[in-house]
Amino acid sequence: MNFGQTSLPAKWIGLDATIETLTELAVGAPASGYIAELFLSMIKTSPRGAQLPFVVTAATAWGKAYGTDVNFWSERDVGGRLCGWIERTVDEDPTCVAKIFEVRDALFTCLDVLVRSGVAQASEVENRILRLLPDRKTA
């Protein structure tokens, strides 16, 4: 029995057909915790670089809606789940580096929000991405 949790097969190919609509929902209602939970549950099944631009778009919308709200990012584990997905994507999809490069500025902005919200894992992800992108200038 399913008690309201999204249940999808691993690497569900249908996500490719639905991720754009799901992202539009997240952007259209960024303060909806329900849509954020649905989005995170769906992407969890598919750690692929092709999904990264959509994930960054949704996270950017949440960042604008919630700012550095510790309850949203840390206590509800939205930030940890995002970071975990990024780490799994880097581990499992060698093509993700090109996608990371495409969205790097927005991704670093999102990670900065997470770091300022107390998501310790975000700093580790940020450093890992910096190592993947050796041409990125650091201050």
N, C-alpha and C. Protein backbone atom coordinates (compact mmCIF):
# COMPACT_ATOMS: atom_id res chain seq x y z
N MET A 1 0.84 -1.18 0.00
CA MET A 1 0.00 0.00 0.00
C MET A 1 0.89 1.24 0.00
N ASN A 2 0.51 2.23 -0.79
CA ASN A 2 1.24 3.47 -0.90
C ASN A 2 0.55 4.52 -0.03
N PHE A 3 1.28 5.14 0.87
CA PHE A 3 0.72 6.13 1.78
C PHE A 3 1.10 7.55 1.35
N GLY A 4 0.93 7.84 0.07
CA GLY A 4 1.17 9.18 -0.42
C GLY A 4 2.57 9.45 -0.93
N GLN A 5 3.44 8.47 -0.91
CA GLN A 5 4.79 8.66 -1.41
C GLN A 5 4.84 8.25 -2.88
N THR A 6 5.57 9.02 -3.66
CA THR A 6 5.74 8.71 -5.06
C THR A 6 6.55 7.43 -5.20
N SER A 7 6.05 6.53 -6.02
CA SER A 7 6.74 5.26 -6.22
C SER A 7 6.97 5.08 -7.71
N LEU A 8 8.23 5.16 -8.12
CA LEU A 8 8.59 5.00 -9.52
C LEU A 8 9.72 4.00 -9.63
N PRO A 9 9.80 3.30 -10.76
CA PRO A 9 10.94 2.40 -10.95
C PRO A 9 12.24 3.19 -11.11
N ALA A 10 13.34 2.57 -10.77
CA ALA A 10 14.65 3.21 -10.92
C ALA A 10 14.88 3.56 -12.38
N LYS A 11 15.45 4.73 -12.60
CA LYS A 11 15.78 5.23 -13.93
C LYS A 11 14.58 5.20 -14.87
N TRP A 12 13.42 5.57 -14.34
CA TRP A 12 12.18 5.57 -15.09
C TRP A 12 12.29 6.47 -16.31
N ILE A 13 12.18 5.89 -17.50
CA ILE A 13 12.35 6.63 -18.75
C ILE A 13 11.23 7.65 -18.95
N GLY A 14 10.07 7.44 -18.34
CA GLY A 14 8.96 8.38 -18.45
C GLY A 14 9.26 9.74 -17.85
N LEU A 15 10.28 9.81 -17.01
CA LEU A 15 10.63 11.10 -16.43
C LEU A 15 11.05 12.09 -17.51
N ASP A 16 11.68 11.60 -18.55
CA ASP A 16 12.10 12.48 -19.65
C ASP A 16 10.90 13.19 -20.27
N ALA A 17 9.78 12.50 -20.34
CA ALA A 17 8.58 13.08 -20.94
C ALA A 17 7.82 14.00 -19.99
N THR A 18 8.07 13.88 -18.70
CA THR A 18 7.29 14.64 -17.72
C THR A 18 8.09 15.71 -16.96
N ILE A 19 9.40 15.67 -17.04
CA ILE A 19 10.22 16.56 -16.22
C ILE A 19 9.98 18.04 -16.55
N GLU A 20 9.74 18.35 -17.80
CA GLU A 20 9.51 19.76 -18.15
C GLU A 20 8.22 20.28 -17.50
N THR A 21 7.16 19.48 -17.56
CA THR A 21 5.90 19.87 -16.94
C THR A 21 6.03 19.95 -15.42
N LEU A 22 6.72 18.99 -14.85
CA LEU A 22 6.94 18.99 -13.41
C LEU A 22 7.74 20.23 -12.98
N THR A 23 8.72 20.60 -13.78
CA THR A 23 9.52 21.79 -13.48
C THR A 23 8.66 23.04 -13.59
N GLU A 24 7.79 23.10 -14.59
CA GLU A 24 6.89 24.24 -14.72
C GLU A 24 5.98 24.37 -13.49
N LEU A 25 5.54 23.22 -12.97
CA LEU A 25 4.74 23.25 -11.74
C LEU A 25 5.55 23.81 -10.57
N ALA A 26 6.79 23.35 -10.44
CA ALA A 26 7.65 23.81 -9.35
C ALA A 26 7.93 25.30 -9.46
N VAL A 27 8.14 25.79 -10.67
CA VAL A 27 8.41 27.21 -10.88
C VAL A 27 7.13 28.03 -10.68
N GLY A 28 6.00 27.48 -11.12
CA GLY A 28 4.72 28.18 -11.00
C GLY A 28 4.20 28.27 -9.58
N ALA A 29 4.57 27.31 -8.76
CA ALA A 29 4.13 27.29 -7.35
C ALA A 29 5.33 26.96 -6.46
N PRO A 30 6.33 27.84 -6.44
CA PRO A 30 7.57 27.51 -5.74
C PRO A 30 7.44 27.38 -4.23
N ALA A 31 6.38 27.93 -3.65
CA ALA A 31 6.20 27.82 -2.20
C ALA A 31 5.43 26.57 -1.81
N SER A 32 5.05 25.76 -2.78
CA SER A 32 4.32 24.53 -2.49
C SER A 32 5.27 23.42 -2.05
N GLY A 33 5.19 23.09 -0.78
CA GLY A 33 6.00 21.99 -0.26
C GLY A 33 5.61 20.67 -0.89
N TYR A 34 4.33 20.51 -1.21
CA TYR A 34 3.86 19.27 -1.85
C TYR A 34 4.53 19.07 -3.20
N ILE A 35 4.56 20.13 -4.02
CA ILE A 35 5.18 20.00 -5.34
C ILE A 35 6.68 19.78 -5.21
N ALA A 36 7.31 20.43 -4.24
CA ALA A 36 8.74 20.21 -4.01
C ALA A 36 9.00 18.75 -3.65
N GLU A 37 8.18 18.19 -2.77
CA GLU A 37 8.33 16.78 -2.38
C GLU A 37 8.12 15.85 -3.57
N LEU A 38 7.10 16.14 -4.37
CA LEU A 38 6.84 15.34 -5.57
C LEU A 38 8.02 15.40 -6.53
N PHE A 39 8.51 16.60 -6.77
CA PHE A 39 9.65 16.80 -7.67
C PHE A 39 10.86 16.00 -7.19
N LEU A 40 11.20 16.14 -5.92
CA LEU A 40 12.36 15.44 -5.37
C LEU A 40 12.19 13.93 -5.41
N SER A 41 10.99 13.46 -5.15
CA SER A 41 10.74 12.01 -5.20
C SER A 41 10.89 11.48 -6.62
N MET A 42 10.46 12.27 -7.59
CA MET A 42 10.55 11.81 -8.98
C MET A 42 11.98 11.83 -9.49
N ILE A 43 12.73 12.87 -9.21
CA ILE A 43 14.11 12.91 -9.73
C ILE A 43 15.01 11.90 -9.04
N LYS A 44 14.65 11.55 -7.81
CA LYS A 44 15.46 10.58 -7.06
C LYS A 44 15.67 9.30 -7.85
N THR A 45 14.71 8.94 -8.67
CA THR A 45 14.77 7.68 -9.42
C THR A 45 15.68 7.77 -10.64
N SER A 46 16.11 8.98 -10.99
CA SER A 46 16.83 9.16 -12.24
C SER A 46 18.00 10.13 -12.10
N PRO A 47 19.11 9.67 -11.56
CA PRO A 47 20.27 10.56 -11.43
C PRO A 47 21.03 10.66 -12.77
N ARG A 48 20.54 11.54 -13.64
CA ARG A 48 21.14 11.71 -14.98
C ARG A 48 21.38 13.18 -15.25
N GLY A 49 22.47 13.44 -15.92
CA GLY A 49 22.84 14.81 -16.25
C GLY A 49 21.79 15.54 -17.07
N ALA A 50 21.05 14.82 -17.90
CA ALA A 50 20.02 15.45 -18.72
C ALA A 50 18.95 16.13 -17.87
N GLN A 51 18.78 15.68 -16.64
CA GLN A 51 17.78 16.26 -15.75
C GLN A 51 18.31 17.50 -15.02
N LEU A 52 19.62 17.71 -15.02
CA LEU A 52 20.23 18.77 -14.22
C LEU A 52 19.67 20.17 -14.50
N PRO A 53 19.49 20.59 -15.75
CA PRO A 53 18.94 21.93 -15.96
C PRO A 53 17.56 22.11 -15.34
N PHE A 54 16.74 21.06 -15.35
CA PHE A 54 15.41 21.14 -14.75
C PHE A 54 15.51 21.22 -13.23
N VAL A 55 16.41 20.45 -12.65
CA VAL A 55 16.61 20.46 -11.21
C VAL A 55 17.10 21.84 -10.76
N VAL A 56 18.02 22.41 -11.48
CA VAL A 56 18.54 23.73 -11.13
C VAL A 56 17.45 24.80 -11.27
N THR A 57 16.63 24.68 -12.29
CA THR A 57 15.52 25.63 -12.48
C THR A 57 14.55 25.57 -11.30
N ALA A 58 14.18 24.36 -10.89
CA ALA A 58 13.28 24.21 -9.74
C ALA A 58 13.94 24.73 -8.46
N ALA A 59 15.20 24.38 -8.24
CA ALA A 59 15.90 24.83 -7.04
C ALA A 59 16.05 26.35 -7.00
N THR A 60 16.24 26.95 -8.15
CA THR A 60 16.32 28.41 -8.23
C THR A 60 14.99 29.04 -7.82
N ALA A 61 13.89 28.46 -8.29
CA ALA A 61 12.56 28.97 -7.91
C ALA A 61 12.34 28.82 -6.41
N TRP A 62 12.72 27.68 -5.85
CA TRP A 62 12.57 27.49 -4.40
C TRP A 62 13.44 28.48 -3.63
N GLY A 63 14.65 28.73 -4.15
CA GLY A 63 15.54 29.70 -3.50
C GLY A 63 14.94 31.09 -3.47
N LYS A 64 14.25 31.47 -4.55
CA LYS A 64 13.60 32.79 -4.58
C LYS A 64 12.41 32.82 -3.63
N ALA A 65 11.69 31.71 -3.53
CA ALA A 65 10.50 31.67 -2.67
C ALA A 65 10.85 31.56 -1.20
N TYR A 66 11.86 30.75 -0.88
CA TYR A 66 12.18 30.46 0.53
C TYR A 66 13.43 31.17 1.04
N GLY A 67 14.27 31.66 0.14
CA GLY A 67 15.52 32.27 0.59
C GLY A 67 16.34 31.26 1.38
N THR A 68 16.86 31.68 2.51
CA THR A 68 17.69 30.79 3.33
C THR A 68 16.89 30.20 4.49
N ASP A 69 15.66 29.86 4.24
CA ASP A 69 14.77 29.28 5.25
C ASP A 69 15.29 27.91 5.70
N VAL A 70 15.80 27.86 6.91
CA VAL A 70 16.39 26.63 7.45
C VAL A 70 15.36 25.51 7.52
N ASN A 71 14.12 25.84 7.82
CA ASN A 71 13.08 24.82 7.90
C ASN A 71 12.91 24.12 6.55
N PHE A 72 12.84 24.89 5.48
CA PHE A 72 12.64 24.30 4.15
C PHE A 72 13.85 23.49 3.70
N TRP A 73 15.03 24.09 3.75
CA TRP A 73 16.22 23.47 3.18
C TRP A 73 16.83 22.39 4.07
N SER A 74 16.88 22.64 5.37
CA SER A 74 17.55 21.70 6.27
C SER A 74 16.60 20.75 6.99
N GLU A 75 15.64 21.31 7.69
CA GLU A 75 14.76 20.46 8.49
C GLU A 75 13.86 19.57 7.65
N ARG A 76 13.42 20.06 6.50
CA ARG A 76 12.62 19.22 5.59
C ARG A 76 13.51 18.44 4.64
N ASP A 77 14.81 18.64 4.74
CA ASP A 77 15.84 17.92 3.98
C ASP A 77 15.76 18.14 2.47
N VAL A 78 15.18 19.24 2.04
CA VAL A 78 15.15 19.54 0.61
C VAL A 78 16.57 19.74 0.10
N GLY A 79 17.37 20.49 0.85
CA GLY A 79 18.76 20.73 0.44
C GLY A 79 19.59 19.46 0.41
N GLY A 80 19.45 18.63 1.42
CA GLY A 80 20.20 17.37 1.46
C GLY A 80 19.82 16.44 0.33
N ARG A 81 18.54 16.40 0.02
CA ARG A 81 18.08 15.54 -1.07
C ARG A 81 18.58 16.05 -2.41
N LEU A 82 18.59 17.37 -2.59
CA LEU A 82 19.14 17.94 -3.83
C LEU A 82 20.63 17.60 -3.96
N CYS A 83 21.35 17.81 -2.87
CA CYS A 83 22.79 17.52 -2.90
C CYS A 83 23.05 16.04 -3.15
N GLY A 84 22.28 15.18 -2.53
CA GLY A 84 22.43 13.74 -2.74
C GLY A 84 22.18 13.36 -4.19
N TRP A 85 21.17 13.98 -4.80
CA TRP A 85 20.88 13.71 -6.21
C TRP A 85 22.04 14.17 -7.09
N ILE A 86 22.58 15.35 -6.83
CA ILE A 86 23.70 15.86 -7.62
C ILE A 86 24.90 14.92 -7.48
N GLU A 87 25.20 14.49 -6.25
CA GLU A 87 26.33 13.59 -6.04
C GLU A 87 26.14 12.27 -6.78
N ARG A 88 24.92 11.70 -6.70
CA ARG A 88 24.66 10.45 -7.42
C ARG A 88 24.77 10.64 -8.93
N THR A 89 24.33 11.79 -9.41
CA THR A 89 24.42 12.07 -10.84
C THR A 89 25.87 12.14 -11.29
N VAL A 90 26.69 12.82 -10.52
CA VAL A 90 28.12 12.90 -10.84
C VAL A 90 28.75 11.51 -10.81
N ASP A 91 28.36 10.69 -9.83
CA ASP A 91 28.91 9.34 -9.71
C ASP A 91 28.47 8.41 -10.85
N GLU A 92 27.21 8.54 -11.27
CA GLU A 92 26.63 7.55 -12.18
C GLU A 92 26.56 7.98 -13.65
N ASP A 93 26.69 9.27 -13.94
CA ASP A 93 26.53 9.73 -15.32
C ASP A 93 27.72 10.59 -15.73
N PRO A 94 28.67 10.00 -16.45
CA PRO A 94 29.85 10.77 -16.86
C PRO A 94 29.54 11.93 -17.80
N THR A 95 28.37 11.93 -18.43
CA THR A 95 28.01 13.02 -19.32
C THR A 95 27.52 14.26 -18.58
N CYS A 96 27.36 14.14 -17.27
CA CYS A 96 26.79 15.27 -16.51
C CYS A 96 27.73 16.47 -16.45
N VAL A 97 29.02 16.28 -16.66
CA VAL A 97 29.95 17.41 -16.57
C VAL A 97 29.59 18.49 -17.58
N ALA A 98 29.19 18.08 -18.79
CA ALA A 98 28.79 19.06 -19.80
C ALA A 98 27.56 19.83 -19.35
N LYS A 99 26.60 19.14 -18.74
CA LYS A 99 25.39 19.81 -18.24
C LYS A 99 25.72 20.72 -17.07
N ILE A 100 26.62 20.29 -16.21
CA ILE A 100 27.05 21.13 -15.09
C ILE A 100 27.65 22.42 -15.62
N PHE A 101 28.49 22.29 -16.65
CA PHE A 101 29.11 23.47 -17.24
C PHE A 101 28.06 24.43 -17.78
N GLU A 102 26.99 23.90 -18.41
CA GLU A 102 25.92 24.73 -18.96
C GLU A 102 25.18 25.53 -17.89
N VAL A 103 24.99 24.94 -16.73
CA VAL A 103 24.16 25.58 -15.69
C VAL A 103 24.99 26.01 -14.48
N ARG A 104 26.28 26.08 -14.62
CA ARG A 104 27.18 26.27 -13.48
C ARG A 104 26.87 27.52 -12.65
N ASP A 105 26.59 28.65 -13.29
CA ASP A 105 26.36 29.87 -12.51
C ASP A 105 25.10 29.73 -11.65
N ALA A 106 24.01 29.26 -12.25
CA ALA A 106 22.77 29.08 -11.49
C ALA A 106 22.95 28.00 -10.44
N LEU A 107 23.69 26.95 -10.76
CA LEU A 107 23.93 25.87 -9.80
C LEU A 107 24.71 26.37 -8.60
N PHE A 108 25.75 27.17 -8.83
CA PHE A 108 26.53 27.71 -7.71
C PHE A 108 25.70 28.69 -6.87
N THR A 109 24.78 29.41 -7.49
CA THR A 109 23.89 30.29 -6.74
C THR A 109 22.99 29.46 -5.83
N CYS A 110 22.44 28.37 -6.37
CA CYS A 110 21.60 27.47 -5.56
C CYS A 110 22.39 26.88 -4.40
N LEU A 111 23.59 26.41 -4.68
CA LEU A 111 24.42 25.82 -3.63
C LEU A 111 24.77 26.84 -2.56
N ASP A 112 24.97 28.10 -2.96
CA ASP A 112 25.25 29.15 -1.99
C ASP A 112 24.07 29.33 -1.03
N VAL A 113 22.85 29.29 -1.57
CA VAL A 113 21.66 29.38 -0.72
C VAL A 113 21.64 28.22 0.27
N LEU A 114 21.97 27.03 -0.21
CA LEU A 114 21.97 25.86 0.67
C LEU A 114 23.03 25.98 1.76
N VAL A 115 24.20 26.43 1.40
CA VAL A 115 25.27 26.60 2.39
C VAL A 115 24.82 27.60 3.46
N ARG A 116 24.24 28.72 3.04
CA ARG A 116 23.79 29.74 3.99
C ARG A 116 22.59 29.28 4.81
N SER A 117 21.93 28.20 4.34
CA SER A 117 20.79 27.63 5.08
C SER A 117 21.21 26.52 6.02
N GLY A 118 22.50 26.26 6.09
CA GLY A 118 23.00 25.25 7.01
C GLY A 118 23.07 23.84 6.46
N VAL A 119 22.99 23.69 5.14
CA VAL A 119 23.10 22.37 4.52
C VAL A 119 24.59 22.10 4.30
N ALA A 120 25.22 21.39 5.24
CA ALA A 120 26.66 21.16 5.20
C ALA A 120 27.09 20.44 3.92
N GLN A 121 26.27 19.53 3.46
CA GLN A 121 26.57 18.74 2.27
C GLN A 121 26.75 19.64 1.04
N ALA A 122 26.12 20.80 1.01
CA ALA A 122 26.20 21.71 -0.13
C ALA A 122 27.62 22.20 -0.37
N SER A 123 28.35 22.46 0.68
CA SER A 123 29.74 22.90 0.55
C SER A 123 30.60 21.80 -0.08
N GLU A 124 30.35 20.57 0.32
CA GLU A 124 31.08 19.43 -0.26
C GLU A 124 30.76 19.28 -1.74
N VAL A 125 29.49 19.43 -2.10
CA VAL A 125 29.09 19.33 -3.51
C VAL A 125 29.72 20.47 -4.31
N GLU A 126 29.71 21.66 -3.75
CA GLU A 126 30.31 22.81 -4.41
C GLU A 126 31.79 22.56 -4.70
N ASN A 127 32.52 22.05 -3.71
CA ASN A 127 33.94 21.76 -3.90
C ASN A 127 34.16 20.66 -4.94
N ARG A 128 33.30 19.68 -4.92
CA ARG A 128 33.41 18.59 -5.90
C ARG A 128 33.19 19.11 -7.32
N ILE A 129 32.22 19.97 -7.48
CA ILE A 129 31.94 20.54 -8.80
C ILE A 129 33.09 21.43 -9.24
N LEU A 130 33.65 22.19 -8.32
CA LEU A 130 34.81 23.02 -8.67
C LEU A 130 35.95 22.17 -9.21
N ARG A 131 36.14 20.99 -8.65
CA ARG A 131 37.19 20.09 -9.14
C ARG A 131 36.86 19.55 -10.54
N LEU A 132 35.57 19.43 -10.85
CA LEU A 132 35.17 18.97 -12.18
C LEU A 132 35.34 20.04 -13.23
N LEU A 133 35.30 21.30 -12.81
CA LEU A 133 35.38 22.44 -13.71
C LEU A 133 36.65 23.23 -13.40
N PRO A 134 37.80 22.72 -13.80
CA PRO A 134 39.06 23.36 -13.42
C PRO A 134 39.24 24.77 -13.98
N ASP A 135 38.45 25.15 -14.98
CA ASP A 135 38.62 26.48 -15.56
C ASP A 135 37.85 27.55 -14.80
N ARG A 136 37.04 27.14 -13.82
CA ARG A 136 36.24 28.12 -13.06
C ARG A 136 37.18 28.95 -12.20
N LYS A 137 37.02 30.26 -12.32
CA LYS A 137 37.85 31.18 -11.54
C LYS A 137 37.27 31.29 -10.13
N THR A 138 38.14 31.19 -9.15
CA THR A 138 37.70 31.34 -7.76
C THR A 138 38.26 32.64 -7.21
N ALA A 139 37.49 33.23 -6.31
CA ALA A 139 37.93 34.53 -5.75
C ALA A 139 38.92 34.29 -4.64
